[in-house]
């Protein structure tokens, strides 16, 4: 659940962060849309009362796709935004931010 504080921080990060290069951004959007399609297909399968194991396999595939996208986004963030933060002597704040992200993955 987002709070007013987290929304404000998200806006600040967007304004202060390095932008993804257009090819990267397009690739991320394509992948997110593909994942969205997978999730919509899962909903249809449930509505059609398809075999549970088939649905679970699709859920697993969608989770795997999300995990892969998350890793790529984290790598990109580290290589671009974190590097930029250290170059502008704002590294400590960025380390704390990354630690918070890592906590959600454990």
PDB file of N, CA and C in Angstrom:
ATOM      1  N   UNK A   1       0.839  -1.165   0.000  1.00  0.00           N
ATOM      2  CA  UNK A   1       0.000   0.000   0.000  1.00  0.00           C
ATOM      3  C   UNK A   1       0.891   1.238   0.000  1.00  0.00           C
ATOM      4  N   UNK A   2       0.574   2.156  -0.902  1.00  0.00           N
ATOM      5  CA  UNK A   2       1.361   3.379  -0.970  1.00  0.00           C
ATOM      6  C   UNK A   2       0.859   4.386   0.041  1.00  0.00           C
ATOM      7  N   UNK A   3       1.793   5.099   0.603  1.00  0.00           N
ATOM      8  CA  UNK A   3       1.445   6.207   1.480  1.00  0.00           C
ATOM      9  C   UNK A   3       1.763   7.494   0.742  1.00  0.00           C
ATOM     10  N   UNK A   4       1.352   8.593   1.313  1.00  0.00           N
ATOM     11  CA  UNK A   4       1.667   9.872   0.687  1.00  0.00           C
ATOM     12  C   UNK A   4       3.169  10.061   0.581  1.00  0.00           C
ATOM     13  N   UNK A   5       3.891   9.593   1.580  1.00  0.00           N
ATOM     14  CA  UNK A   5       5.344   9.725   1.576  1.00  0.00           C
ATOM     15  C   UNK A   5       5.956   8.928   0.442  1.00  0.00           C
ATOM     16  N   UNK A   6       5.511   7.662   0.280  1.00  0.00           N
ATOM     17  CA  UNK A   6       6.111   6.840  -0.764  1.00  0.00           C
ATOM     18  C   UNK A   6       5.782   7.383  -2.140  1.00  0.00           C
ATOM     19  N   UNK A   7       4.588   7.931  -2.337  1.00  0.00           N
ATOM     20  CA  UNK A   7       4.240   8.529  -3.612  1.00  0.00           C
ATOM     21  C   UNK A   7       5.138   9.726  -3.894  1.00  0.00           C
ATOM     22  N   UNK A   8       5.371  10.536  -2.882  1.00  0.00           N
ATOM     23  CA  UNK A   8       6.234  11.701  -3.040  1.00  0.00           C
ATOM     24  C   UNK A   8       7.651  11.268  -3.393  1.00  0.00           C
ATOM     25  N   UNK A   9       8.169  10.254  -2.710  1.00  0.00           N
ATOM     26  CA  UNK A   9       9.514   9.771  -3.001  1.00  0.00           C
ATOM     27  C   UNK A   9       9.596   9.240  -4.416  1.00  0.00           C
ATOM     28  N   UNK A  10       8.576   8.506  -4.862  1.00  0.00           N
ATOM     29  CA  UNK A  10       8.576   7.968  -6.213  1.00  0.00           C
ATOM     30  C   UNK A  10       8.653   9.088  -7.234  1.00  0.00           C
ATOM     31  N   UNK A  11       7.910  10.154  -7.014  1.00  0.00           N
ATOM     32  CA  UNK A  11       7.942  11.292  -7.921  1.00  0.00           C
ATOM     33  C   UNK A  11       9.321  11.935  -7.917  1.00  0.00           C
ATOM     34  N   UNK A  12       9.917  12.070  -6.739  1.00  0.00           N
ATOM     35  CA  UNK A  12      11.246  12.665  -6.660  1.00  0.00           C
ATOM     36  C   UNK A  12      12.257  11.802  -7.398  1.00  0.00           C
ATOM     37  N   UNK A  13      12.199  10.500  -7.213  1.00  0.00           N
ATOM     38  CA  UNK A  13      13.145   9.614  -7.886  1.00  0.00           C
ATOM     39  C   UNK A  13      13.004   9.736  -9.391  1.00  0.00           C
ATOM     40  N   UNK A  14      11.767   9.785  -9.868  1.00  0.00           N
ATOM     41  CA  UNK A  14      11.542   9.882 -11.304  1.00  0.00           C
ATOM     42  C   UNK A  14      12.186  11.144 -11.849  1.00  0.00           C
ATOM     43  N   UNK A  15      12.025  12.246 -11.136  1.00  0.00           N
ATOM     44  CA  UNK A  15      12.568  13.509 -11.604  1.00  0.00           C
ATOM     45  C   UNK A  15      14.086  13.571 -11.482  1.00  0.00           C
ATOM     46  N   UNK A  16      14.663  12.851 -10.532  1.00  0.00           N
ATOM     47  CA  UNK A  16      16.100  12.929 -10.290  1.00  0.00           C
ATOM     48  C   UNK A  16      16.890  11.777 -10.896  1.00  0.00           C
ATOM     49  N   UNK A  17      16.224  10.750 -11.383  1.00  0.00           N
ATOM     50  CA  UNK A  17      16.941   9.566 -11.840  1.00  0.00           C
ATOM     51  C   UNK A  17      17.343   9.693 -13.300  1.00  0.00           C
ATOM     52  N   UNK A  18      18.334   8.883 -13.669  1.00  0.00           N
ATOM     53  CA  UNK A  18      18.737   8.824 -15.065  1.00  0.00           C
ATOM     54  C   UNK A  18      17.666   8.083 -15.854  1.00  0.00           C
ATOM     55  N   UNK A  19      17.357   8.581 -17.009  1.00  0.00           N
ATOM     56  CA  UNK A  19      16.349   7.932 -17.843  1.00  0.00           C
ATOM     57  C   UNK A  19      16.962   6.706 -18.511  1.00  0.00           C
ATOM     58  N   UNK A  20      16.138   5.686 -18.727  1.00  0.00           N
ATOM     59  CA  UNK A  20      16.580   4.537 -19.500  1.00  0.00           C
ATOM     60  C   UNK A  20      16.749   4.993 -20.940  1.00  0.00           C
ATOM     61  N   UNK A  21      17.647   4.338 -21.644  1.00  0.00           N
ATOM     62  CA  UNK A  21      17.777   4.661 -23.055  1.00  0.00           C
ATOM     63  C   UNK A  21      16.519   4.189 -23.764  1.00  0.00           C
ATOM     64  N   UNK A  22      16.136   4.843 -24.859  1.00  0.00           N
ATOM     65  CA  UNK A  22      14.901   4.445 -25.545  1.00  0.00           C
ATOM     66  C   UNK A  22      14.809   2.953 -25.882  1.00  0.00           C
ATOM     67  N   UNK A  23      15.867   2.318 -26.395  1.00  0.00           N
ATOM     68  CA  UNK A  23      15.732   0.876 -26.661  1.00  0.00           C
ATOM     69  C   UNK A  23      15.472   0.064 -25.391  1.00  0.00           C
ATOM     70  N   UNK A  24      16.132   0.430 -24.287  1.00  0.00           N
ATOM     71  CA  UNK A  24      15.887  -0.268 -23.020  1.00  0.00           C
ATOM     72  C   UNK A  24      14.453  -0.062 -22.570  1.00  0.00           C
ATOM     73  N   UNK A  25      14.007   1.170 -22.615  1.00  0.00           N
ATOM     74  CA  UNK A  25      12.651   1.486 -22.177  1.00  0.00           C
ATOM     75  C   UNK A  25      11.633   0.710 -23.006  1.00  0.00           C
ATOM     76  N   UNK A  26      11.811   0.699 -24.304  1.00  0.00           N
ATOM     77  CA  UNK A  26      10.892  -0.031 -25.182  1.00  0.00           C
ATOM     78  C   UNK A  26      10.903  -1.519 -24.861  1.00  0.00           C
ATOM     79  N   UNK A  27      12.067  -2.064 -24.596  1.00  0.00           N
ATOM     80  CA  UNK A  27      12.168  -3.491 -24.260  1.00  0.00           C
ATOM     81  C   UNK A  27      11.460  -3.785 -22.944  1.00  0.00           C
ATOM     82  N   UNK A  28      11.624  -2.910 -21.955  1.00  0.00           N
ATOM     83  CA  UNK A  28      10.944  -3.109 -20.670  1.00  0.00           C
ATOM     84  C   UNK A  28       9.431  -3.043 -20.840  1.00  0.00           C
ATOM     85  N   UNK A  29       8.964  -2.091 -21.622  1.00  0.00           N
ATOM     86  CA  UNK A  29       7.520  -1.955 -21.847  1.00  0.00           C
ATOM     87  C   UNK A  29       6.984  -3.185 -22.572  1.00  0.00           C
ATOM     88  N   UNK A  30       7.707  -3.665 -23.590  1.00  0.00           N
ATOM     89  CA  UNK A  30       7.274  -4.876 -24.310  1.00  0.00           C
ATOM     90  C   UNK A  30       7.174  -6.064 -23.367  1.00  0.00           C
ATOM     91  N   UNK A  31       8.186  -6.217 -22.533  1.00  0.00           N
ATOM     92  CA  UNK A  31       8.174  -7.343 -21.591  1.00  0.00           C
ATOM     93  C   UNK A  31       7.040  -7.221 -20.591  1.00  0.00           C
ATOM     94  N   UNK A  32       6.810  -6.011 -20.085  1.00  0.00           N
ATOM     95  CA  UNK A  32       5.714  -5.804 -19.131  1.00  0.00           C
ATOM     96  C   UNK A  32       4.370  -6.105 -19.794  1.00  0.00           C
ATOM     97  N   UNK A  33       4.213  -5.719 -21.028  1.00  0.00           N
ATOM     98  CA  UNK A  33       2.953  -6.004 -21.742  1.00  0.00           C
ATOM     99  C   UNK A  33       2.788  -7.497 -21.996  1.00  0.00           C
ATOM    100  N   UNK A  34       3.888  -8.173 -22.270  1.00  0.00           N
ATOM    101  CA  UNK A  34       3.821  -9.622 -22.456  1.00  0.00           C
ATOM    102  C   UNK A  34       3.385 -10.290 -21.150  1.00  0.00           C
ATOM    103  N   UNK A  35       3.939  -9.832 -20.048  1.00  0.00           N
ATOM    104  CA  UNK A  35       3.558 -10.366 -18.733  1.00  0.00           C
ATOM    105  C   UNK A  35       2.090 -10.057 -18.451  1.00  0.00           C
ATOM    106  N   UNK A  36       1.670  -8.859 -18.793  1.00  0.00           N
ATOM    107  CA  UNK A  36       0.264  -8.488 -18.625  1.00  0.00           C
ATOM    108  C   UNK A  36      -0.631  -9.452 -19.404  1.00  0.00           C
ATOM    109  N   UNK A  37      -0.219  -9.799 -20.612  1.00  0.00           N
ATOM    110  CA  UNK A  37      -0.969 -10.763 -21.411  1.00  0.00           C
ATOM    111  C   UNK A  37      -1.013 -12.134 -20.750  1.00  0.00           C
ATOM    112  N   UNK A  38       0.102 -12.533 -20.148  1.00  0.00           N
ATOM    113  CA  UNK A  38       0.126 -13.815 -19.439  1.00  0.00           C
ATOM    114  C   UNK A  38      -0.870 -13.812 -18.282  1.00  0.00           C
ATOM    115  N   UNK A  39      -0.917 -12.726 -17.535  1.00  0.00           N
ATOM    116  CA  UNK A  39      -1.825 -12.636 -16.387  1.00  0.00           C
ATOM    117  C   UNK A  39      -3.276 -12.628 -16.862  1.00  0.00           C
ATOM    118  N   UNK A  40      -3.550 -11.935 -17.945  1.00  0.00           N
ATOM    119  CA  UNK A  40      -4.907 -11.942 -18.494  1.00  0.00           C
ATOM    120  C   UNK A  40      -5.300 -13.348 -18.943  1.00  0.00           C
ATOM    121  N   UNK A  41      -4.351 -14.074 -19.519  1.00  0.00           N
ATOM    122  CA  UNK A  41      -4.622 -15.453 -19.935  1.00  0.00           C
ATOM    123  C   UNK A  41      -4.924 -16.331 -18.724  1.00  0.00           C
ATOM    124  N   UNK A  42      -4.240 -16.092 -17.626  1.00  0.00           N
ATOM    125  CA  UNK A  42      -4.506 -16.844 -16.392  1.00  0.00           C
ATOM    126  C   UNK A  42      -5.935 -16.578 -15.931  1.00  0.00           C
ATOM    127  N   UNK A  43      -6.360 -15.331 -15.975  1.00  0.00           N
ATOM    128  CA  UNK A  43      -7.737 -14.994 -15.588  1.00  0.00           C
ATOM    129  C   UNK A  43      -8.742 -15.726 -16.470  1.00  0.00           C
ATOM    130  N   UNK A  44      -8.480 -15.748 -17.772  1.00  0.00           N
ATOM    131  CA  UNK A  44      -9.387 -16.462 -18.684  1.00  0.00           C
ATOM    132  C   UNK A  44      -9.428 -17.952 -18.369  1.00  0.00           C
ATOM    133  N   UNK A  45      -8.259 -18.511 -18.081  1.00  0.00           N
ATOM    134  CA  UNK A  45      -8.199 -19.940 -17.759  1.00  0.00           C
ATOM    135  C   UNK A  45      -9.035 -20.250 -16.519  1.00  0.00           C
ATOM    136  N   UNK A  46      -8.961 -19.380 -15.531  1.00  0.00           N
ATOM    137  CA  UNK A  46      -9.742 -19.579 -14.304  1.00  0.00           C
ATOM    138  C   UNK A  46     -11.230 -19.479 -14.622  1.00  0.00           C
ATOM    139  N   UNK A  47     -11.606 -18.457 -15.398  1.00  0.00           N
ATOM    140  CA  UNK A  47     -13.013 -18.295 -15.771  1.00  0.00           C
ATOM    141  C   UNK A  47     -13.534 -19.500 -16.552  1.00  0.00           C
ATOM    142  N   UNK A  48     -12.682 -20.074 -17.383  1.00  0.00           N
ATOM    143  CA  UNK A  48     -13.068 -21.231 -18.202  1.00  0.00           C
ATOM    144  C   UNK A  48     -12.963 -22.547 -17.436  1.00  0.00           C
ATOM    145  N   UNK A  49     -12.572 -22.454 -16.168  1.00  0.00           N
ATOM    146  CA  UNK A  49     -12.409 -23.624 -15.305  1.00  0.00           C
ATOM    147  C   UNK A  49     -11.470 -24.666 -15.914  1.00  0.00           C
ATOM    148  N   UNK A  50     -10.344 -24.168 -16.396  1.00  0.00           N
ATOM    149  CA  UNK A  50      -9.332 -25.051 -16.971  1.00  0.00           C
ATOM    150  C   UNK A  50      -8.671 -25.859 -15.861  1.00  0.00           C
ATOM    151  N   UNK A  51      -7.951 -26.872 -16.261  1.00  0.00           N
ATOM    152  CA  UNK A  51      -7.276 -27.781 -15.342  1.00  0.00           C
ATOM    153  C   UNK A  51      -6.300 -26.994 -14.462  1.00  0.00           C
ATOM    154  N   UNK A  52      -6.396 -27.208 -13.156  1.00  0.00           N
ATOM    155  CA  UNK A  52      -5.616 -26.433 -12.176  1.00  0.00           C
ATOM    156  C   UNK A  52      -4.114 -26.480 -12.442  1.00  0.00           C
ATOM    157  N   UNK A  53      -3.607 -27.628 -12.811  1.00  0.00           N
ATOM    158  CA  UNK A  53      -2.165 -27.750 -13.050  1.00  0.00           C
ATOM    159  C   UNK A  53      -1.749 -26.867 -14.221  1.00  0.00           C
ATOM    160  N   UNK A  54      -2.581 -26.788 -15.253  1.00  0.00           N
ATOM    161  CA  UNK A  54      -2.267 -25.913 -16.385  1.00  0.00           C
ATOM    162  C   UNK A  54      -2.237 -24.450 -15.949  1.00  0.00           C
ATOM    163  N   UNK A  55      -3.174 -24.070 -15.104  1.00  0.00           N
ATOM    164  CA  UNK A  55      -3.209 -22.697 -14.595  1.00  0.00           C
ATOM    165  C   UNK A  55      -1.962 -22.422 -13.760  1.00  0.00           C
ATOM    166  N   UNK A  56      -1.629 -23.361 -12.894  1.00  0.00           N
ATOM    167  CA  UNK A  56      -0.445 -23.187 -12.045  1.00  0.00           C
ATOM    168  C   UNK A  56       0.830 -23.061 -12.872  1.00  0.00           C
ATOM    169  N   UNK A  57       0.911 -23.784 -13.962  1.00  0.00           N
ATOM    170  CA  UNK A  57       2.088 -23.676 -14.833  1.00  0.00           C
ATOM    171  C   UNK A  57       2.170 -22.276 -15.446  1.00  0.00           C
ATOM    172  N   UNK A  58       1.032 -21.712 -15.804  1.00  0.00           N
ATOM    173  CA  UNK A  58       1.022 -20.361 -16.358  1.00  0.00           C
ATOM    174  C   UNK A  58       1.376 -19.321 -15.291  1.00  0.00           C
ATOM    175  N   UNK A  59       0.907 -19.549 -14.069  1.00  0.00           N
ATOM    176  CA  UNK A  59       1.265 -18.653 -12.965  1.00  0.00           C
ATOM    177  C   UNK A  59       2.776 -18.692 -12.752  1.00  0.00           C
ATOM    178  N   UNK A  60       3.336 -19.879 -12.785  1.00  0.00           N
ATOM    179  CA  UNK A  60       4.786 -20.022 -12.608  1.00  0.00           C
ATOM    180  C   UNK A  60       5.539 -19.286 -13.712  1.00  0.00           C
ATOM    181  N   UNK A  61       5.066 -19.412 -14.941  1.00  0.00           N
ATOM    182  CA  UNK A  61       5.717 -18.731 -16.063  1.00  0.00           C
ATOM    183  C   UNK A  61       5.652 -17.209 -15.892  1.00  0.00           C
ATOM    184  N   UNK A  62       4.504 -16.706 -15.456  1.00  0.00           N
ATOM    185  CA  UNK A  62       4.359 -15.258 -15.249  1.00  0.00           C
ATOM    186  C   UNK A  62       5.271 -14.777 -14.119  1.00  0.00           C
ATOM    187  N   UNK A  63       5.341 -15.546 -13.040  1.00  0.00           N
ATOM    188  CA  UNK A  63       6.227 -15.176 -11.927  1.00  0.00           C
ATOM    189  C   UNK A  63       7.680 -15.162 -12.377  1.00  0.00           C
ATOM    190  N   UNK A  64       8.057 -16.137 -13.181  1.00  0.00           N
ATOM    191  CA  UNK A  64       9.419 -16.200 -13.691  1.00  0.00           C
ATOM    192  C   UNK A  64       9.721 -14.990 -14.576  1.00  0.00           C
ATOM    193  N   UNK A  65       8.763 -14.619 -15.412  1.00  0.00           N
ATOM    194  CA  UNK A  65       8.942 -13.453 -16.280  1.00  0.00           C
ATOM    195  C   UNK A  65       9.070 -12.177 -15.450  1.00  0.00           C
ATOM    196  N   UNK A  66       8.262 -12.048 -14.407  1.00  0.00           N
ATOM    197  CA  UNK A  66       8.357 -10.880 -13.521  1.00  0.00           C
ATOM    198  C   UNK A  66       9.703 -10.830 -12.807  1.00  0.00           C
ATOM    199  N   UNK A  67      10.159 -11.982 -12.353  1.00  0.00           N
ATOM    200  CA  UNK A  67      11.450 -12.035 -11.662  1.00  0.00           C
ATOM    201  C   UNK A  67      12.574 -11.607 -12.603  1.00  0.00           C
ATOM    202  N   UNK A  68      12.531 -12.110 -13.820  1.00  0.00           N
ATOM    203  CA  UNK A  68      13.551 -11.765 -14.801  1.00  0.00           C
ATOM    204  C   UNK A  68      13.541 -10.268 -15.110  1.00  0.00           C
ATOM    205  N   UNK A  69      12.358  -9.703 -15.280  1.00  0.00           N
ATOM    206  CA  UNK A  69      12.245  -8.266 -15.528  1.00  0.00           C
ATOM    207  C   UNK A  69      12.757  -7.474 -14.328  1.00  0.00           C
ATOM    208  N   UNK A  70      12.428  -7.914 -13.135  1.00  0.00           N
ATOM    209  CA  UNK A  70      12.898  -7.239 -11.920  1.00  0.00           C
ATOM    210  C   UNK A  70      14.417  -7.208 -11.859  1.00  0.00           C
ATOM    211  N   UNK A  71      15.032  -8.320 -12.184  1.00  0.00           N
ATOM    212  CA  UNK A  71      16.495  -8.394 -12.153  1.00  0.00           C
ATOM    213  C   UNK A  71      17.098  -7.437 -13.168  1.00  0.00           C
ATOM    214  N   UNK A  72      16.538  -7.409 -14.370  1.00  0.00           N
ATOM    215  CA  UNK A  72      17.067  -6.498 -15.384  1.00  0.00           C
ATOM    216  C   UNK A  72      16.893  -5.038 -14.982  1.00  0.00           C
ATOM    217  N   UNK A  73      15.745  -4.712 -14.401  1.00  0.00           N
ATOM    218  CA  UNK A  73      15.526  -3.337 -13.944  1.00  0.00           C
ATOM    219  C   UNK A  73      16.498  -2.968 -12.828  1.00  0.00           C
ATOM    220  N   UNK A  74      16.754  -3.903 -11.933  1.00  0.00           N
ATOM    221  CA  UNK A  74      17.698  -3.648 -10.845  1.00  0.00           C
ATOM    222  C   UNK A  74      19.110  -3.453 -11.389  1.00  0.00           C
ATOM    223  N   UNK A  75      19.495  -4.267 -12.362  1.00  0.00           N
ATOM    224  CA  UNK A  75      20.813  -4.109 -12.981  1.00  0.00           C
ATOM    225  C   UNK A  75      20.931  -2.751 -13.664  1.00  0.00           C
ATOM    226  N   UNK A  76      19.893  -2.380 -14.388  1.00  0.00           N
ATOM    227  CA  UNK A  76      19.900  -1.089 -15.073  1.00  0.00           C
ATOM    228  C   UNK A  76      19.972   0.057 -14.068  1.00  0.00           C
ATOM    229  N   UNK A  77      19.195  -0.050 -13.006  1.00  0.00           N
ATOM    230  CA  UNK A  77      19.200   0.987 -11.966  1.00  0.00           C
ATOM    231  C   UNK A  77      20.590   1.114 -11.348  1.00  0.00           C
ATOM    232  N   UNK A  78      21.202  -0.021 -11.073  1.00  0.00           N
ATOM    233  CA  UNK A  78      22.536  -0.009 -10.471  1.00  0.00           C
ATOM    234  C   UNK A  78      23.557   0.603 -11.423  1.00  0.00           C
ATOM    235  N   UNK A  79      23.508   0.204 -12.675  1.00  0.00           N
ATOM    236  CA  UNK A  79      24.483   0.694 -13.651  1.00  0.00           C
ATOM    237  C   UNK A  79      24.285   2.152 -14.033  1.00  0.00           C
ATOM    238  N   UNK A  80      23.057   2.642 -13.930  1.00  0.00           N
ATOM    239  CA  UNK A  80      22.805   4.027 -14.333  1.00  0.00           C
ATOM    240  C   UNK A  80      22.615   4.938 -13.121  1.00  0.00           C
ATOM    241  N   UNK A  81      21.541   4.741 -12.410  1.00  0.00           N
ATOM    242  CA  UNK A  81      21.157   5.667 -11.330  1.00  0.00           C
ATOM    243  C   UNK A  81      22.121   5.627 -10.151  1.00  0.00           C
ATOM    244  N   UNK A  82      22.495   4.434  -9.736  1.00  0.00           N
ATOM    245  CA  UNK A  82      23.391   4.326  -8.581  1.00  0.00           C
ATOM    246  C   UNK A  82      24.757   4.898  -8.926  1.00  0.00           C
ATOM    247  N   UNK A  83      25.240   4.566 -10.105  1.00  0.00           N
ATOM    248  CA  UNK A  83      26.534   5.112 -10.538  1.00  0.00           C
ATOM    249  C   UNK A  83      26.483   6.643 -10.571  1.00  0.00           C
ATOM    250  N   UNK A  84      25.399   7.182 -11.113  1.00  0.00           N
ATOM    251  CA  UNK A  84      25.245   8.637 -11.178  1.00  0.00           C
ATOM    252  C   UNK A  84      25.188   9.250  -9.778  1.00  0.00           C
ATOM    253  N   UNK A  85      24.510   8.581  -8.855  1.00  0.00           N
ATOM    254  CA  UNK A  85      24.406   9.088  -7.482  1.00  0.00           C
ATOM    255  C   UNK A  85      25.781   9.163  -6.824  1.00  0.00           C
ATOM    256  N   UNK A  86      26.606   8.146  -7.034  1.00  0.00           N
ATOM    257  CA  UNK A  86      27.941   8.166  -6.444  1.00  0.00           C
ATOM    258  C   UNK A  86      28.809   9.243  -7.081  1.00  0.00           C
ATOM    259  N   UNK A  87      28.644   9.437  -8.377  1.00  0.00           N
ATOM    260  CA  UNK A  87      29.423  10.476  -9.049  1.00  0.00           C
ATOM    261  C   UNK A  87      29.031  11.871  -8.573  1.00  0.00           C
ATOM    262  N   UNK A  88      27.790  12.030  -8.108  1.00  0.00           N
ATOM    263  CA  UNK A  88      27.336  13.337  -7.620  1.00  0.00           C
ATOM    264  C   UNK A  88      27.349  13.406  -6.091  1.00  0.00           C
ATOM    265  N   UNK A  89      28.111  12.508  -5.460  1.00  0.00           N
ATOM    266  CA  UNK A  89      28.246  12.462  -3.996  1.00  0.00           C
ATOM    267  C   UNK A  89      26.914  12.290  -3.268  1.00  0.00           C
ATOM    268  N   UNK A  90      26.020  11.539  -3.845  1.00  0.00           N
ATOM    269  CA  UNK A  90      24.728  11.254  -3.223  1.00  0.00           C
ATOM    270  C   UNK A  90      24.585   9.742  -3.015  1.00  0.00           C
ATOM    271  N   UNK A  91      25.710   9.068  -2.872  1.00  0.00           N
ATOM    272  CA  UNK A  91      25.723   7.615  -2.805  1.00  0.00           C
ATOM    273  C   UNK A  91      25.112   7.015  -1.561  1.00  0.00           C
ATOM    274  N   UNK A  92      25.272   7.661  -0.423  1.00  0.00           N
ATOM    275  CA  UNK A  92      24.769   7.090   0.833  1.00  0.00           C
ATOM    276  C   UNK A  92      23.253   6.919   0.792  1.00  0.00           C
ATOM    277  N   UNK A  93      22.567   7.921   0.307  1.00  0.00           N
ATOM    278  CA  UNK A  93      21.104   7.851   0.194  1.00  0.00           C
ATOM    279  C   UNK A  93      20.701   6.702  -0.741  1.00  0.00           C
ATOM    280  N   UNK A  94      21.431   6.554  -1.813  1.00  0.00           N
ATOM    281  CA  UNK A  94      21.129   5.514  -2.792  1.00  0.00           C
ATOM    282  C   UNK A  94      21.384   4.131  -2.215  1.00  0.00           C
ATOM    283  N   UNK A  95      22.420   3.986  -1.405  1.00  0.00           N
ATOM    284  CA  UNK A  95      22.682   2.701  -0.753  1.00  0.00           C
ATOM    285  C   UNK A  95      21.510   2.329   0.145  1.00  0.00           C
ATOM    286  N   UNK A  96      21.016   3.281   0.920  1.00  0.00           N
ATOM    287  CA  UNK A  96      19.869   3.013   1.797  1.00  0.00           C
ATOM    288  C   UNK A  96      18.643   2.605   0.981  1.00  0.00           C
ATOM    289  N   UNK A  97      18.439   3.266  -0.125  1.00  0.00           N
ATOM    290  CA  UNK A  97      17.314   2.940  -1.003  1.00  0.00           C
ATOM    291  C   UNK A  97      17.447   1.512  -1.542  1.00  0.00           C
ATOM    292  N   UNK A  98      18.642   1.153  -1.979  1.00  0.00           N
ATOM    293  CA  UNK A  98      18.874  -0.205  -2.483  1.00  0.00           C
ATOM    294  C   UNK A  98      18.677  -1.250  -1.396  1.00  0.00           C
ATOM    295  N   UNK A  99      19.127  -0.950  -0.189  1.00  0.00           N
ATOM    296  CA  UNK A  99      18.936  -1.888   0.917  1.00  0.00           C
ATOM    297  C   UNK A  99      17.455  -2.141   1.165  1.00  0.00           C
ATOM    298  N   UNK A 100      16.640  -1.110   1.071  1.00  0.00           N
ATOM    299  CA  UNK A 100      15.194  -1.275   1.234  1.00  0.00           C
ATOM    300  C   UNK A 100      14.624  -2.174   0.138  1.00  0.00           C
ATOM    301  N   UNK A 101      15.113  -2.004  -1.073  1.00  0.00           N
ATOM    302  CA  UNK A 101      14.661  -2.860  -2.176  1.00  0.00           C
ATOM    303  C   UNK A 101      15.063  -4.305  -1.909  1.00  0.00           C
ATOM    304  N   UNK A 102      16.301  -4.516  -1.499  1.00  0.00           N
ATOM    305  CA  UNK A 102      16.768  -5.877  -1.237  1.00  0.00           C
ATOM    306  C   UNK A 102      15.977  -6.542  -0.117  1.00  0.00           C
ATOM    307  N   UNK A 103      15.554  -5.774   0.871  1.00  0.00           N
ATOM    308  CA  UNK A 103      14.751  -6.340   1.961  1.00  0.00           C
ATOM    309  C   UNK A 103      13.451  -6.926   1.442  1.00  0.00           C
ATOM    310  N   UNK A 104      12.882  -6.329   0.425  1.00  0.00           N
ATOM    311  CA  UNK A 104      11.619  -6.841  -0.115  1.00  0.00           C
ATOM    312  C   UNK A 104      11.818  -8.126  -0.905  1.00  0.00           C
ATOM    313  N   UNK A 105      13.040  -8.397  -1.328  1.00  0.00           N
ATOM    314  CA  UNK A 105      13.323  -9.605  -2.100  1.00  0.00           C
ATOM    315  C   UNK A 105      13.696 -10.793  -1.224  1.00  0.00           C
ATOM    316  N   UNK A 106      13.892 -10.574   0.066  1.00  0.00           N
ATOM    317  CA  UNK A 106      14.302 -11.688   0.923  1.00  0.00           C
ATOM    318  C   UNK A 106      13.152 -12.257   1.711  1.00  0.00           C
TER     319      UNK A 106
END
